[in-house]
Amino acid sequence: MYLYNCLKNDQQVDLSKITPEYLGINARYFQYILINLVNDGYLMKDSTYEDMNVLNITQDIMISPKGIAYLHENSTIAKVKCSIKGLSDIVGNVNPL
């Protein structure tokens, strides 16, 4: 969401917020996530560069249209799940005959 909000609000990305330390994960897992976000097209290709077999983030990191679509789809799905959960709480469990 952070990269999307930066793009939408025309704000510069704070690279210190996109580090394993800031995110509370180990460096290997961070690399795994970053590689897959780029390879799957959720980040623009020029968002990273490789140096000594490590993927590094550039100042130009940007979410791709595919990444934005993914965020919107998951947000909608979460809202539907929440609504269904609320309906289930009101109606109770209904078993088909």
PDB file of N, CA and C in Angstrom:
ATOM      1  N   MET A   1       0.812  -1.191   0.000  1.00  0.00           N
ATOM      2  CA  MET A   1       0.000   0.000   0.000  1.00  0.00           C
ATOM      3  C   MET A   1       0.863   1.267   0.000  1.00  0.00           C
ATOM      4  N   TYR A   2       2.033   1.176   0.645  1.00  0.00           N
ATOM      5  CA  TYR A   2       2.897   2.349   0.768  1.00  0.00           C
ATOM      6  C   TYR A   2       3.301   2.894  -0.599  1.00  0.00           C
ATOM      7  N   LEU A   3       3.761   2.024  -1.483  1.00  0.00           N
ATOM      8  CA  LEU A   3       4.192   2.485  -2.811  1.00  0.00           C
ATOM      9  C   LEU A   3       3.024   3.060  -3.599  1.00  0.00           C
ATOM     10  N   TYR A   4       1.872   2.449  -3.471  1.00  0.00           N
ATOM     11  CA  TYR A   4       0.678   2.952  -4.155  1.00  0.00           C
ATOM     12  C   TYR A   4       0.314   4.340  -3.631  1.00  0.00           C
ATOM     13  N   ASN A   5       0.322   4.514  -2.321  1.00  0.00           N
ATOM     14  CA  ASN A   5      -0.013   5.815  -1.733  1.00  0.00           C
ATOM     15  C   ASN A   5       0.991   6.889  -2.137  1.00  0.00           C
ATOM     16  N   CYS A   6       2.270   6.536  -2.202  1.00  0.00           N
ATOM     17  CA  CYS A   6       3.279   7.505  -2.651  1.00  0.00           C
ATOM     18  C   CYS A   6       3.001   7.936  -4.085  1.00  0.00           C
ATOM     19  N   LEU A   7       2.702   6.985  -4.950  1.00  0.00           N
ATOM     20  CA  LEU A   7       2.419   7.297  -6.349  1.00  0.00           C
ATOM     21  C   LEU A   7       1.163   8.151  -6.465  1.00  0.00           C
ATOM     22  N   LYS A   8       0.122   7.737  -5.788  1.00  0.00           N
ATOM     23  CA  LYS A   8      -1.170   8.426  -5.855  1.00  0.00           C
ATOM     24  C   LYS A   8      -1.086   9.859  -5.322  1.00  0.00           C
ATOM     25  N   ASN A   9      -0.290  10.062  -4.280  1.00  0.00           N
ATOM     26  CA  ASN A   9      -0.181  11.379  -3.644  1.00  0.00           C
ATOM     27  C   ASN A   9       1.030  12.178  -4.113  1.00  0.00           C
ATOM     28  N   ASP A  10       1.704  11.687  -5.153  1.00  0.00           N
ATOM     29  CA  ASP A  10       2.881  12.350  -5.725  1.00  0.00           C
ATOM     30  C   ASP A  10       3.933  12.647  -4.656  1.00  0.00           C
ATOM     31  N   GLN A  11       4.213  11.620  -3.830  1.00  0.00           N
ATOM     32  CA  GLN A  11       5.213  11.751  -2.773  1.00  0.00           C
ATOM     33  C   GLN A  11       6.441  10.913  -3.106  1.00  0.00           C
ATOM     34  N   GLN A  12       7.588  11.366  -2.668  1.00  0.00           N
ATOM     35  CA  GLN A  12       8.829  10.618  -2.843  1.00  0.00           C
ATOM     36  C   GLN A  12       8.817   9.418  -1.899  1.00  0.00           C
ATOM     37  N   VAL A  13       9.269   8.277  -2.387  1.00  0.00           N
ATOM     38  CA  VAL A  13       9.347   7.069  -1.567  1.00  0.00           C
ATOM     39  C   VAL A  13      10.503   7.210  -0.580  1.00  0.00           C
ATOM     40  N   ASP A  14      10.238   6.909   0.676  1.00  0.00           N
ATOM     41  CA  ASP A  14      11.276   6.895   1.705  1.00  0.00           C
ATOM     42  C   ASP A  14      11.870   5.486   1.726  1.00  0.00           C
ATOM     43  N   LEU A  15      13.052   5.332   1.136  1.00  0.00           N
ATOM     44  CA  LEU A  15      13.664   4.008   1.016  1.00  0.00           C
ATOM     45  C   LEU A  15      13.943   3.356   2.367  1.00  0.00           C
ATOM     46  N   SER A  16      14.036   4.143   3.417  1.00  0.00           N
ATOM     47  CA  SER A  16      14.273   3.556   4.742  1.00  0.00           C
ATOM     48  C   SER A  16      13.062   2.755   5.223  1.00  0.00           C
ATOM     49  N   LYS A  17      11.916   2.955   4.584  1.00  0.00           N
ATOM     50  CA  LYS A  17      10.707   2.199   4.938  1.00  0.00           C
ATOM     51  C   LYS A  17      10.574   0.911   4.132  1.00  0.00           C
ATOM     52  N   ILE A  18      11.552   0.680   3.247  1.00  0.00           N
ATOM     53  CA  ILE A  18      11.523  -0.538   2.431  1.00  0.00           C
ATOM     54  C   ILE A  18      12.830  -1.291   2.665  1.00  0.00           C
ATOM     55  N   THR A  19      13.041  -1.676   3.903  1.00  0.00           N
ATOM     56  CA  THR A  19      14.230  -2.440   4.285  1.00  0.00           C
ATOM     57  C   THR A  19      13.793  -3.627   5.137  1.00  0.00           C
ATOM     58  N   PRO A  20      14.603  -4.669   5.180  1.00  0.00           N
ATOM     59  CA  PRO A  20      14.251  -5.803   6.042  1.00  0.00           C
ATOM     60  C   PRO A  20      14.109  -5.385   7.507  1.00  0.00           C
ATOM     61  N   GLU A  21      14.988  -4.495   7.939  1.00  0.00           N
ATOM     62  CA  GLU A  21      14.951  -4.050   9.342  1.00  0.00           C
ATOM     63  C   GLU A  21      13.643  -3.323   9.652  1.00  0.00           C
ATOM     64  N   TYR A  22      13.259  -2.410   8.787  1.00  0.00           N
ATOM     65  CA  TYR A  22      12.035  -1.637   9.008  1.00  0.00           C
ATOM     66  C   TYR A  22      10.808  -2.550   8.992  1.00  0.00           C
ATOM     67  N   LEU A  23      10.822  -3.525   8.088  1.00  0.00           N
ATOM     68  CA  LEU A  23       9.681  -4.426   7.939  1.00  0.00           C
ATOM     69  C   LEU A  23       9.691  -5.574   8.950  1.00  0.00           C
ATOM     70  N   GLY A  24      10.793  -5.715   9.681  1.00  0.00           N
ATOM     71  CA  GLY A  24      10.874  -6.749  10.711  1.00  0.00           C
ATOM     72  C   GLY A  24      11.021  -8.157  10.152  1.00  0.00           C
ATOM     73  N   ILE A  25      11.715  -8.288   9.011  1.00  0.00           N
ATOM     74  CA  ILE A  25      11.937  -9.601   8.414  1.00  0.00           C
ATOM     75  C   ILE A  25      13.433  -9.769   8.144  1.00  0.00           C
ATOM     76  N   ASN A  26      13.854 -11.018   7.917  1.00  0.00           N
ATOM     77  CA  ASN A  26      15.276 -11.238   7.640  1.00  0.00           C
ATOM     78  C   ASN A  26      15.599 -10.893   6.188  1.00  0.00           C
ATOM     79  N   ALA A  27      16.885 -10.664   5.916  1.00  0.00           N
ATOM     80  CA  ALA A  27      17.338 -10.206   4.598  1.00  0.00           C
ATOM     81  C   ALA A  27      17.030 -11.216   3.495  1.00  0.00           C
ATOM     82  N   ARG A  28      17.170 -12.494   3.799  1.00  0.00           N
ATOM     83  CA  ARG A  28      16.890 -13.523   2.784  1.00  0.00           C
ATOM     84  C   ARG A  28      15.426 -13.499   2.369  1.00  0.00           C
ATOM     85  N   TYR A  29      14.523 -13.397   3.328  1.00  0.00           N
ATOM     86  CA  TYR A  29      13.091 -13.346   3.029  1.00  0.00           C
ATOM     87  C   TYR A  29      12.751 -12.064   2.267  1.00  0.00           C
ATOM     88  N   PHE A  30      13.374 -10.960   2.635  1.00  0.00           N
ATOM     89  CA  PHE A  30      13.170  -9.692   1.937  1.00  0.00           C
ATOM     90  C   PHE A  30      13.570  -9.826   0.471  1.00  0.00           C
ATOM     91  N   GLN A  31      14.731 -10.445   0.213  1.00  0.00           N
ATOM     92  CA  GLN A  31      15.184 -10.657  -1.163  1.00  0.00           C
ATOM     93  C   GLN A  31      14.196 -11.528  -1.934  1.00  0.00           C
ATOM     94  N   TYR A  32      13.716 -12.579  -1.298  1.00  0.00           N
ATOM     95  CA  TYR A  32      12.736 -13.482  -1.913  1.00  0.00           C
ATOM     96  C   TYR A  32      11.483 -12.712  -2.340  1.00  0.00           C
ATOM     97  N   ILE A  33      10.967 -11.892  -1.443  1.00  0.00           N
ATOM     98  CA  ILE A  33       9.766 -11.103  -1.740  1.00  0.00           C
ATOM     99  C   ILE A  33      10.040 -10.121  -2.872  1.00  0.00           C
ATOM    100  N   LEU A  34      11.140  -9.408  -2.787  1.00  0.00           N
ATOM    101  CA  LEU A  34      11.486  -8.403  -3.788  1.00  0.00           C
ATOM    102  C   LEU A  34      11.649  -9.028  -5.176  1.00  0.00           C
ATOM    103  N   ILE A  35      12.371 -10.122  -5.252  1.00  0.00           N
ATOM    104  CA  ILE A  35      12.581 -10.818  -6.530  1.00  0.00           C
ATOM    105  C   ILE A  35      11.246 -11.218  -7.141  1.00  0.00           C
ATOM    106  N   ASN A  36      10.363 -11.768  -6.330  1.00  0.00           N
ATOM    107  CA  ASN A  36       9.078 -12.223  -6.855  1.00  0.00           C
ATOM    108  C   ASN A  36       8.148 -11.075  -7.221  1.00  0.00           C
ATOM    109  N   LEU A  37       8.190  -9.979  -6.484  1.00  0.00           N
ATOM    110  CA  LEU A  37       7.379  -8.811  -6.850  1.00  0.00           C
ATOM    111  C   LEU A  37       7.792  -8.264  -8.216  1.00  0.00           C
ATOM    112  N   VAL A  38       9.091  -8.250  -8.473  1.00  0.00           N
ATOM    113  CA  VAL A  38       9.586  -7.774  -9.771  1.00  0.00           C
ATOM    114  C   VAL A  38       9.273  -8.797 -10.860  1.00  0.00           C
ATOM    115  N   ASN A  39       9.622 -10.065 -10.625  1.00  0.00           N
ATOM    116  CA  ASN A  39       9.413 -11.104 -11.637  1.00  0.00           C
ATOM    117  C   ASN A  39       7.946 -11.299 -11.993  1.00  0.00           C
ATOM    118  N   ASP A  40       7.057 -11.125 -11.022  1.00  0.00           N
ATOM    119  CA  ASP A  40       5.623 -11.299 -11.273  1.00  0.00           C
ATOM    120  C   ASP A  40       4.961 -10.036 -11.807  1.00  0.00           C
ATOM    121  N   GLY A  41       5.729  -8.960 -11.922  1.00  0.00           N
ATOM    122  CA  GLY A  41       5.213  -7.743 -12.538  1.00  0.00           C
ATOM    123  C   GLY A  41       4.464  -6.802 -11.610  1.00  0.00           C
ATOM    124  N   TYR A  42       4.614  -6.969 -10.292  1.00  0.00           N
ATOM    125  CA  TYR A  42       3.927  -6.086  -9.348  1.00  0.00           C
ATOM    126  C   TYR A  42       4.707  -4.796  -9.084  1.00  0.00           C
ATOM    127  N   LEU A  43       5.999  -4.810  -9.411  1.00  0.00           N
ATOM    128  CA  LEU A  43       6.839  -3.612  -9.353  1.00  0.00           C
ATOM    129  C   LEU A  43       7.369  -3.342 -10.753  1.00  0.00           C
ATOM    130  N   MET A  44       7.568  -2.066 -11.071  1.00  0.00           N
ATOM    131  CA  MET A  44       8.135  -1.706 -12.362  1.00  0.00           C
ATOM    132  C   MET A  44       9.559  -2.261 -12.451  1.00  0.00           C
ATOM    133  N   LYS A  45       9.962  -2.640 -13.648  1.00  0.00           N
ATOM    134  CA  LYS A  45      11.268  -3.288 -13.864  1.00  0.00           C
ATOM    135  C   LYS A  45      12.448  -2.427 -13.407  1.00  0.00           C
ATOM    136  N   ASP A  46      12.370  -1.107 -13.564  1.00  0.00           N
ATOM    137  CA  ASP A  46      13.493  -0.244 -13.177  1.00  0.00           C
ATOM    138  C   ASP A  46      13.481   0.117 -11.689  1.00  0.00           C
ATOM    139  N   SER A  47      12.687  -0.608 -10.908  1.00  0.00           N
ATOM    140  CA  SER A  47      12.606  -0.363  -9.468  1.00  0.00           C
ATOM    141  C   SER A  47      13.792  -0.945  -8.712  1.00  0.00           C
ATOM    142  N   THR A  48      14.512  -1.860  -9.360  1.00  0.00           N
ATOM    143  CA  THR A  48      15.614  -2.544  -8.694  1.00  0.00           C
ATOM    144  C   THR A  48      16.809  -2.691  -9.635  1.00  0.00           C
ATOM    145  N   TYR A  49      17.946  -2.988  -9.050  1.00  0.00           N
ATOM    146  CA  TYR A  49      19.141  -3.359  -9.815  1.00  0.00           C
ATOM    147  C   TYR A  49      19.885  -4.427  -9.028  1.00  0.00           C
ATOM    148  N   GLU A  50      20.627  -5.263  -9.749  1.00  0.00           N
ATOM    149  CA  GLU A  50      21.367  -6.339  -9.099  1.00  0.00           C
ATOM    150  C   GLU A  50      22.825  -5.938  -8.918  1.00  0.00           C
ATOM    151  N   ASP A  51      23.338  -6.215  -7.733  1.00  0.00           N
ATOM    152  CA  ASP A  51      24.726  -5.908  -7.411  1.00  0.00           C
ATOM    153  C   ASP A  51      25.261  -7.038  -6.540  1.00  0.00           C
ATOM    154  N   MET A  52      26.246  -7.773  -7.048  1.00  0.00           N
ATOM    155  CA  MET A  52      26.834  -8.895  -6.311  1.00  0.00           C
ATOM    156  C   MET A  52      25.768  -9.891  -5.861  1.00  0.00           C
ATOM    157  N   ASN A  53      24.890 -10.258  -6.775  1.00  0.00           N
ATOM    158  CA  ASN A  53      23.830 -11.246  -6.551  1.00  0.00           C
ATOM    159  C   ASN A  53      22.795 -10.826  -5.509  1.00  0.00           C
ATOM    160  N   VAL A  54      22.695  -9.544  -5.257  1.00  0.00           N
ATOM    161  CA  VAL A  54      21.679  -9.018  -4.343  1.00  0.00           C
ATOM    162  C   VAL A  54      20.856  -7.995  -5.107  1.00  0.00           C
ATOM    163  N   LEU A  55      19.554  -8.086  -4.967  1.00  0.00           N
ATOM    164  CA  LEU A  55      18.666  -7.120  -5.608  1.00  0.00           C
ATOM    165  C   LEU A  55      18.541  -5.899  -4.705  1.00  0.00           C
ATOM    166  N   ASN A  56      18.818  -4.733  -5.247  1.00  0.00           N
ATOM    167  CA  ASN A  56      18.746  -3.475  -4.502  1.00  0.00           C
ATOM    168  C   ASN A  56      17.616  -2.618  -5.053  1.00  0.00           C
ATOM    169  N   ILE A  57      17.041  -1.806  -4.204  1.00  0.00           N
ATOM    170  CA  ILE A  57      15.938  -0.924  -4.592  1.00  0.00           C
ATOM    171  C   ILE A  57      16.505   0.403  -5.068  1.00  0.00           C
ATOM    172  N   THR A  58      15.936   0.928  -6.148  1.00  0.00           N
ATOM    173  CA  THR A  58      16.340   2.244  -6.636  1.00  0.00           C
ATOM    174  C   THR A  58      15.401   3.311  -6.078  1.00  0.00           C
ATOM    175  N   GLN A  59      15.829   4.545  -6.149  1.00  0.00           N
ATOM    176  CA  GLN A  59      15.005   5.671  -5.705  1.00  0.00           C
ATOM    177  C   GLN A  59      13.732   5.769  -6.549  1.00  0.00           C
ATOM    178  N   ASP A  60      13.769   5.190  -7.750  1.00  0.00           N
ATOM    179  CA  ASP A  60      12.625   5.244  -8.664  1.00  0.00           C
ATOM    180  C   ASP A  60      11.657   4.086  -8.480  1.00  0.00           C
ATOM    181  N   ILE A  61      11.738   3.352  -7.379  1.00  0.00           N
ATOM    182  CA  ILE A  61      10.851   2.209  -7.170  1.00  0.00           C
ATOM    183  C   ILE A  61       9.398   2.655  -7.313  1.00  0.00           C
ATOM    184  N   MET A  62       8.635   1.831  -8.041  1.00  0.00           N
ATOM    185  CA  MET A  62       7.247   2.204  -8.300  1.00  0.00           C
ATOM    186  C   MET A  62       6.397   0.944  -8.481  1.00  0.00           C
ATOM    187  N   ILE A  63       5.214   0.969  -7.930  1.00  0.00           N
ATOM    188  CA  ILE A  63       4.265  -0.114  -8.123  1.00  0.00           C
ATOM    189  C   ILE A  63       3.790  -0.084  -9.576  1.00  0.00           C
ATOM    190  N   SER A  64       3.523  -1.253 -10.130  1.00  0.00           N
ATOM    191  CA  SER A  64       3.071  -1.346 -11.523  1.00  0.00           C
ATOM    192  C   SER A  64       1.542  -1.325 -11.572  1.00  0.00           C
ATOM    193  N   PRO A  65       0.967  -1.140 -12.757  1.00  0.00           N
ATOM    194  CA  PRO A  65      -0.489  -1.231 -12.878  1.00  0.00           C
ATOM    195  C   PRO A  65      -1.016  -2.587 -12.390  1.00  0.00           C
ATOM    196  N   LYS A  66      -0.268  -3.658 -12.659  1.00  0.00           N
ATOM    197  CA  LYS A  66      -0.668  -4.987 -12.183  1.00  0.00           C
ATOM    198  C   LYS A  66      -0.667  -5.027 -10.651  1.00  0.00           C
ATOM    199  N   GLY A  67       0.315  -4.377 -10.032  1.00  0.00           N
ATOM    200  CA  GLY A  67       0.382  -4.315  -8.574  1.00  0.00           C
ATOM    201  C   GLY A  67      -0.787  -3.543  -7.983  1.00  0.00           C
ATOM    202  N   ILE A  68      -1.163  -2.452  -8.646  1.00  0.00           N
ATOM    203  CA  ILE A  68      -2.310  -1.654  -8.197  1.00  0.00           C
ATOM    204  C   ILE A  68      -3.590  -2.467  -8.315  1.00  0.00           C
ATOM    205  N   ALA A  69      -3.749  -3.172  -9.428  1.00  0.00           N
ATOM    206  CA  ALA A  69      -4.940  -4.008  -9.621  1.00  0.00           C
ATOM    207  C   ALA A  69      -5.019  -5.070  -8.532  1.00  0.00           C
ATOM    208  N   TYR A  70      -3.887  -5.674  -8.191  1.00  0.00           N
ATOM    209  CA  TYR A  70      -3.848  -6.688  -7.142  1.00  0.00           C
ATOM    210  C   TYR A  70      -4.293  -6.109  -5.798  1.00  0.00           C
ATOM    211  N   LEU A  71      -3.796  -4.929  -5.464  1.00  0.00           N
ATOM    212  CA  LEU A  71      -4.195  -4.281  -4.206  1.00  0.00           C
ATOM    213  C   LEU A  71      -5.692  -4.024  -4.161  1.00  0.00           C
ATOM    214  N   HIS A  72      -6.240  -3.522  -5.267  1.00  0.00           N
ATOM    215  CA  HIS A  72      -7.672  -3.221  -5.310  1.00  0.00           C
ATOM    216  C   HIS A  72      -8.514  -4.489  -5.228  1.00  0.00           C
ATOM    217  N   GLU A  73      -8.100  -5.541  -5.927  1.00  0.00           N
ATOM    218  CA  GLU A  73      -8.847  -6.801  -5.890  1.00  0.00           C
ATOM    219  C   GLU A  73      -8.847  -7.386  -4.489  1.00  0.00           C
ATOM    220  N   ASN A  74      -7.689  -7.406  -3.837  1.00  0.00           N
ATOM    221  CA  ASN A  74      -7.610  -7.963  -2.489  1.00  0.00           C
ATOM    222  C   ASN A  74      -8.385  -7.125  -1.487  1.00  0.00           C
ATOM    223  N   SER A  75      -8.417  -5.821  -1.667  1.00  0.00           N
ATOM    224  CA  SER A  75      -9.184  -4.946  -0.794  1.00  0.00           C
ATOM    225  C   SER A  75     -10.673  -5.245  -0.933  1.00  0.00           C
ATOM    226  N   THR A  76     -11.119  -5.427  -2.155  1.00  0.00           N
ATOM    227  CA  THR A  76     -12.528  -5.743  -2.410  1.00  0.00           C
ATOM    228  C   THR A  76     -12.886  -7.097  -1.823  1.00  0.00           C
ATOM    229  N   ILE A  77     -12.017  -8.084  -2.008  1.00  0.00           N
ATOM    230  CA  ILE A  77     -12.266  -9.418  -1.463  1.00  0.00           C
ATOM    231  C   ILE A  77     -12.353  -9.363   0.058  1.00  0.00           C
ATOM    232  N   ALA A  78     -11.478  -8.607   0.694  1.00  0.00           N
ATOM    233  CA  ALA A  78     -11.497  -8.478   2.155  1.00  0.00           C
ATOM    234  C   ALA A  78     -12.804  -7.854   2.630  1.00  0.00           C
ATOM    235  N   LYS A  79     -13.286  -6.846   1.903  1.00  0.00           N
ATOM    236  CA  LYS A  79     -14.548  -6.200   2.270  1.00  0.00           C
ATOM    237  C   LYS A  79     -15.713  -7.169   2.130  1.00  0.00           C
ATOM    238  N   VAL A  80     -15.708  -7.969   1.072  1.00  0.00           N
ATOM    239  CA  VAL A  80     -16.773  -8.957   0.865  1.00  0.00           C
ATOM    240  C   VAL A  80     -16.735  -9.998   1.975  1.00  0.00           C
ATOM    241  N   LYS A  81     -15.537 -10.482   2.320  1.00  0.00           N
ATOM    242  CA  LYS A  81     -15.410 -11.462   3.401  1.00  0.00           C
ATOM    243  C   LYS A  81     -15.940 -10.895   4.708  1.00  0.00           C
ATOM    244  N   CYS A  82     -15.623  -9.650   4.979  1.00  0.00           N
ATOM    245  CA  CYS A  82     -16.079  -9.000   6.207  1.00  0.00           C
ATOM    246  C   CYS A  82     -17.600  -8.880   6.211  1.00  0.00           C
ATOM    247  N   SER A  83     -18.168  -8.520   5.073  1.00  0.00           N
ATOM    248  CA  SER A  83     -19.622  -8.396   4.958  1.00  0.00           C
ATOM    249  C   SER A  83     -20.295  -9.743   5.155  1.00  0.00           C
ATOM    250  N   ILE A  84     -19.726 -10.779   4.549  1.00  0.00           N
ATOM    251  CA  ILE A  84     -20.294 -12.120   4.686  1.00  0.00           C
ATOM    252  C   ILE A  84     -20.194 -12.578   6.129  1.00  0.00           C
ATOM    253  N   LYS A  85     -19.080 -12.293   6.783  1.00  0.00           N
ATOM    254  CA  LYS A  85     -18.908 -12.646   8.193  1.00  0.00           C
ATOM    255  C   LYS A  85     -19.968 -11.948   9.033  1.00  0.00           C
ATOM    256  N   GLY A  86     -20.203 -10.670   8.758  1.00  0.00           N
ATOM    257  CA  GLY A  86     -21.232  -9.926   9.482  1.00  0.00           C
ATOM    258  C   GLY A  86     -22.612 -10.510   9.251  1.00  0.00           C
ATOM    259  N   LEU A  87     -22.901 -10.893   8.019  1.00  0.00           N
ATOM    260  CA  LEU A  87     -24.187 -11.502   7.683  1.00  0.00           C
ATOM    261  C   LEU A  87     -24.333 -12.836   8.391  1.00  0.00           C
ATOM    262  N   SER A  88     -23.259 -13.606   8.429  1.00  0.00           N
ATOM    263  CA  SER A  88     -23.275 -14.896   9.105  1.00  0.00           C
ATOM    264  C   SER A  88     -23.542 -14.719  10.597  1.00  0.00           C
ATOM    265  N   ASP A  89     -22.975 -13.682  11.199  1.00  0.00           N
ATOM    266  CA  ASP A  89     -23.207 -13.412  12.620  1.00  0.00           C
ATOM    267  C   ASP A  89     -24.670 -13.073  12.887  1.00  0.00           C
ATOM    268  N   ILE A  90     -25.292 -12.383  11.944  1.00  0.00           N
ATOM    269  CA  ILE A  90     -26.690 -11.981  12.110  1.00  0.00           C
ATOM    270  C   ILE A  90     -27.633 -13.152  11.859  1.00  0.00           C
ATOM    271  N   VAL A  91     -27.421 -13.853  10.750  1.00  0.00           N
ATOM    272  CA  VAL A  91     -28.331 -14.919  10.327  1.00  0.00           C
ATOM    273  C   VAL A  91     -28.020 -16.228  11.032  1.00  0.00           C
ATOM    274  N   GLY A  92     -26.772 -16.466  11.333  1.00  0.00           N
ATOM    275  CA  GLY A  92     -26.363 -17.733  11.908  1.00  0.00           C
ATOM    276  C   GLY A  92     -25.998 -18.713  10.813  1.00  0.00           C
ATOM    277  N   ASN A  93     -25.612 -19.886  11.200  1.00  0.00           N
ATOM    278  CA  ASN A  93     -25.257 -20.910  10.219  1.00  0.00           C
ATOM    279  C   ASN A  93     -26.515 -21.475   9.597  1.00  0.00           C
ATOM    280  N   VAL A  94     -26.545 -21.475   8.285  1.00  0.00           N
ATOM    281  CA  VAL A  94     -27.691 -22.008   7.553  1.00  0.00           C
ATOM    282  C   VAL A  94     -27.220 -23.245   6.815  1.00  0.00           C
ATOM    283  N   ASN A  95     -27.839 -24.369   7.110  1.00  0.00           N
ATOM    284  CA  ASN A  95     -27.488 -25.616   6.438  1.00  0.00           C
ATOM    285  C   ASN A  95     -28.503 -25.907   5.351  1.00  0.00           C
ATOM    286  N   PRO A  96     -28.015 -26.277   4.161  1.00  0.00           N
ATOM    287  CA  PRO A  96     -28.953 -26.623   3.096  1.00  0.00           C
ATOM    288  C   PRO A  96     -29.706 -27.898   3.444  1.00  0.00           C
ATOM    289  N   LEU A  97     -30.912 -28.031   2.936  1.00  0.00           N
ATOM    290  CA  LEU A  97     -31.729 -29.223   3.214  1.00  0.00           C
ATOM    291  C   LEU A  97     -31.258 -30.413   2.451  1.00  0.00           C
TER     292      LEU A  97
END
